[in-house]
C-alpha atoms as a PDB file:
ATOM      1  CA  MET A   1      57.991   9.533  20.573  1.00  0.00           C
ATOM      2  CA  PHE A   2      55.862   8.068  17.858  1.00  0.00           C
ATOM      3  CA  ALA A   3      53.173   9.437  15.523  1.00  0.00           C
ATOM      4  CA  THR A   4      50.132   8.068  13.805  1.00  0.00           C
ATOM      5  CA  THR A   5      47.980   9.725  11.203  1.00  0.00           C
ATOM      6  CA  ILE A   6      44.509   8.275  10.781  1.00  0.00           C
ATOM      7  CA  ARG A   7      41.774   9.368   8.354  1.00  0.00           C
ATOM      8  CA  PHE A   8      38.217   8.120   7.849  1.00  0.00           C
ATOM      9  CA  VAL A   9      35.769   8.875   5.021  1.00  0.00           C
ATOM     10  CA  LEU A  10      32.478  10.512   5.968  1.00  0.00           C
ATOM     11  CA  THR A  11      29.155  10.028   4.228  1.00  0.00           C
ATOM     12  CA  ALA A  12      28.013  12.634   1.708  1.00  0.00           C
ATOM     13  CA  ASP A  13      25.147  13.723   3.979  1.00  0.00           C
ATOM     14  CA  THR A  14      27.423  14.633   6.921  1.00  0.00           C
ATOM     15  CA  ASP A  15      26.507  17.894   8.660  1.00  0.00           C
ATOM     16  CA  PHE A  16      30.018  19.282   9.069  1.00  0.00           C
ATOM     17  CA  GLU A  17      29.024  21.970  11.559  1.00  0.00           C
ATOM     18  CA  ASP A  18      27.533  19.347  13.879  1.00  0.00           C
ATOM     19  CA  PHE A  19      30.518  17.080  13.255  1.00  0.00           C
ATOM     20  CA  ARG A  20      32.938  19.842  14.327  1.00  0.00           C
ATOM     21  CA  LYS A  21      31.056  20.110  17.624  1.00  0.00           C
ATOM     22  CA  LEU A  22      31.181  16.332  18.052  1.00  0.00           C
ATOM     23  CA  LEU A  23      34.965  16.366  17.595  1.00  0.00           C
ATOM     24  CA  VAL A  24      35.382  19.043  20.267  1.00  0.00           C
ATOM     25  CA  ARG A  25      33.239  16.995  22.673  1.00  0.00           C
ATOM     26  CA  ARG A  26      35.279  13.858  21.926  1.00  0.00           C
ATOM     27  CA  ALA A  27      38.488  15.784  22.551  1.00  0.00           C
ATOM     28  CA  ALA A  28      37.222  17.042  25.907  1.00  0.00           C
ATOM     29  CA  ASP A  29      35.448  13.909  27.113  1.00  0.00           C
ATOM     30  CA  THR A  30      37.604  11.077  25.822  1.00  0.00           C
ATOM     31  CA  TYR A  31      40.952  11.800  24.219  1.00  0.00           C
ATOM     32  CA  ARG A  32      42.335  13.895  27.064  1.00  0.00           C
ATOM     33  CA  TYR A  33      42.580  10.658  29.050  1.00  0.00           C
ATOM     34  CA  VAL A  34      44.068   8.193  26.530  1.00  0.00           C
ATOM     35  CA  GLN A  35      47.152   6.475  27.971  1.00  0.00           C
ATOM     36  CA  GLY A  36      50.409   7.616  26.371  1.00  0.00           C
ATOM     37  CA  LEU A  37      48.812  10.250  24.117  1.00  0.00           C
ATOM     38  CA  ARG A  38      50.877  13.456  24.180  1.00  0.00           C
ATOM     39  CA  ALA A  39      48.859  15.327  21.560  1.00  0.00           C
ATOM     40  CA  LYS A  40      46.098  14.877  19.029  1.00  0.00           C
ATOM     41  CA  ALA A  41      45.071  17.284  16.323  1.00  0.00           C
ATOM     42  CA  PHE A  42      41.488  16.548  15.285  1.00  0.00           C
ATOM     43  CA  VAL A  43      41.320  17.267  11.566  1.00  0.00           C
ATOM     44  CA  LEU A  44      38.325  17.673   9.287  1.00  0.00           C
ATOM     45  CA  SER A  45      38.369  18.139   5.526  1.00  0.00           C
ATOM     46  CA  PRO A  46      34.840  18.729   4.188  1.00  0.00           C
ATOM     47  CA  GLU A  47      36.160  19.134   0.626  1.00  0.00           C
ATOM     48  CA  ARG A  48      37.602  15.589   0.745  1.00  0.00           C
ATOM     49  CA  GLY A  49      34.849  14.222   2.993  1.00  0.00           C
ATOM     50  CA  GLU A  50      37.416  13.036   5.554  1.00  0.00           C
ATOM     51  CA  PHE A  51      38.170  13.420   9.219  1.00  0.00           C
ATOM     52  CA  GLY A  52      40.709  11.950  11.564  1.00  0.00           C
ATOM     53  CA  GLY A  53      43.648  12.790  13.708  1.00  0.00           C
ATOM     54  CA  ASN A  54      47.347  13.415  13.843  1.00  0.00           C
ATOM     55  CA  TYR A  55      48.555  11.749  17.054  1.00  0.00           C
ATOM     56  CA  VAL A  56      51.806  12.041  18.993  1.00  0.00           C
ATOM     57  CA  TRP A  57      52.443   9.203  21.437  1.00  0.00           C
ATOM     58  CA  ASP A  58      55.011   8.699  24.183  1.00  0.00           C
ATOM     59  CA  THR A  59      55.985   5.342  22.659  1.00  0.00           C
ATOM     60  CA  GLN A  60      55.222   3.108  19.707  1.00  0.00           C
ATOM     61  CA  ASP A  61      53.701   0.631  22.181  1.00  0.00           C
ATOM     62  CA  ASP A  62      51.193   3.318  23.261  1.00  0.00           C
ATOM     63  CA  ALA A  63      50.238   3.930  19.613  1.00  0.00           C
ATOM     64  CA  GLU A  64      49.823   0.231  18.895  1.00  0.00           C
ATOM     65  CA  ALA A  65      47.784  -0.265  22.095  1.00  0.00           C
ATOM     66  CA  PHE A  66      45.425   2.483  20.911  1.00  0.00           C
ATOM     67  CA  LEU A  67      44.977   0.738  17.553  1.00  0.00           C
ATOM     68  CA  ARG A  68      43.897  -2.396  19.464  1.00  0.00           C
ATOM     69  CA  SER A  69      41.664  -0.464  21.889  1.00  0.00           C
ATOM     70  CA  ASP A  70      37.886  -0.481  22.192  1.00  0.00           C
ATOM     71  CA  LEU A  71      37.951   3.251  21.434  1.00  0.00           C
ATOM     72  CA  PHE A  72      39.596   2.747  18.044  1.00  0.00           C
ATOM     73  CA  ARG A  73      37.518  -0.351  17.245  1.00  0.00           C
ATOM     74  CA  ALA A  74      34.360   1.670  17.943  1.00  0.00           C
ATOM     75  CA  ALA A  75      35.475   4.304  15.415  1.00  0.00           C
ATOM     76  CA  VAL A  76      36.109   1.597  12.811  1.00  0.00           C
ATOM     77  CA  ALA A  77      32.699   0.059  13.515  1.00  0.00           C
ATOM     78  CA  ARG A  78      31.034   3.432  13.030  1.00  0.00           C
ATOM     79  CA  TYR A  79      33.026   4.873  10.092  1.00  0.00           C
ATOM     80  CA  GLY A  80      34.585   1.825   8.417  1.00  0.00           C
ATOM     81  CA  GLU A  81      38.239   1.019   7.927  1.00  0.00           C
ATOM     82  CA  PRO A  82      40.464   4.102   7.784  1.00  0.00           C
ATOM     83  CA  CYS A  83      41.337   5.379   4.322  1.00  0.00           C
ATOM     84  CA  ALA A  84      44.758   6.299   5.739  1.00  0.00           C
ATOM     85  CA  LEU A  85      46.730   4.920   8.664  1.00  0.00           C
ATOM     86  CA  GLU A  86      50.395   5.884   8.846  1.00  0.00           C
ATOM     87  CA  ARG A  87      53.005   5.277  11.534  1.00  0.00           C
ATOM     88  CA  ALA A  88      56.264   7.182  12.031  1.00  0.00           C
ATOM     89  CA  GLU A  89      58.974   8.000  14.529  1.00  0.00           C
ATOM     90  CA  VAL A  90      58.971  11.525  15.959  1.00  0.00           C
ATOM     91  CA  CYS A  91      62.551  12.719  16.353  1.00  0.00           C
ATOM     92  CA  ALA A  92      61.639  16.256  17.452  1.00  0.00           C
ATOM     93  CA  TYR A  93      58.428  17.929  18.523  1.00  0.00           C
ATOM     94  CA  VAL A  94      57.815  21.657  18.944  1.00  0.00           C
ATOM     95  CA  GLU A  95      55.220  22.587  21.541  1.00  0.00           C
ATOM     96  CA  ASP A  96      54.565  26.182  22.589  1.00  0.00           C
ATOM     97  CA  GLY A  97      58.025  27.143  21.327  1.00  0.00           C
ATOM     98  CA  ASP A  98      59.808  24.385  23.269  1.00  0.00           C
ATOM     99  CA  LEU A  99      61.676  21.640  21.463  1.00  0.00           C
ATOM    100  CA  VAL A 100      60.906  18.187  22.871  1.00  0.00           C
ATOM    101  CA  PHE A 101      63.135  15.290  21.879  1.00  0.00           C
ATOM    102  CA  PRO A 102      64.211  11.865  23.142  1.00  0.00           C
ATOM    103  CA  PRO A 103      66.813  12.137  25.938  1.00  0.00           C
ATOM    104  CA  ASP A 104      69.390   9.998  24.137  1.00  0.00           C
ATOM    105  CA  TYR A 105      69.577  12.391  21.155  1.00  0.00           C
ATOM    106  CA  ASP A 106      72.663  14.578  21.063  1.00  0.00           C
ATOM    107  CA  VAL A 107      71.308  17.948  19.989  1.00  0.00           C
ATOM    108  CA  GLN A 108      74.324  20.102  20.829  1.00  0.00           C
ATOM    109  CA  GLY A 109      75.470  22.021  17.795  1.00  0.00           C
ATOM    110  CA  THR A 110      72.292  21.385  15.810  1.00  0.00           C
ATOM    111  CA  SER A 111      71.137  25.010  15.852  1.00  0.00           C
ATOM    112  CA  SER A 112      71.678  27.019  12.691  1.00  0.00           C
ATOM    113  CA  SER A 113      71.930  30.206  14.769  1.00  0.00           C
ATOM    114  CA  ASP A 114      74.003  31.382  17.715  1.00  0.00           C
ATOM    115  CA  GLU A 115      70.847  31.752  19.786  1.00  0.00           C
ATOM    116  CA  ALA A 116      70.201  29.211  22.516  1.00  0.00           C
ATOM    117  CA  ILE A 117      67.284  26.858  21.779  1.00  0.00           C
ATOM    118  CA  PRO A 118      64.904  26.120  24.658  1.00  0.00           C
ATOM    119  CA  LEU A 119      65.210  22.328  24.928  1.00  0.00           C
ATOM    120  CA  VAL A 120      63.004  19.965  26.848  1.00  0.00           C
ATOM    121  CA  GLY A 121      64.161  16.350  27.007  1.00  0.00           C
ATOM    122  CA  LEU A 122      61.554  13.629  27.405  1.00  0.00           C
END
């Protein structure tokens, strides 16, 4: 898995209540269908005047394809170049209490307790 963190700066006159609603619509109408996207947290920070997303992708290729996509280019055209764009490997991902990890990782003996960990390989 692979992660990207992307942030854009909003204008000072942004109506943050309306913008929150826009983000929910974008999540429902568009991002649910992006190829290779496992998860996206839409984030909004009115105090910093920023918004963006924390993305988890199936592969680095999926993340890079998104950064070349019309969808991402449209965001850049509308909001300008991102003020932050970070890429990173995801070595473990917790979702609804399940641990998701790449299948080639040896996770036996990694628990700090005697309790069994619910594991879900990719």
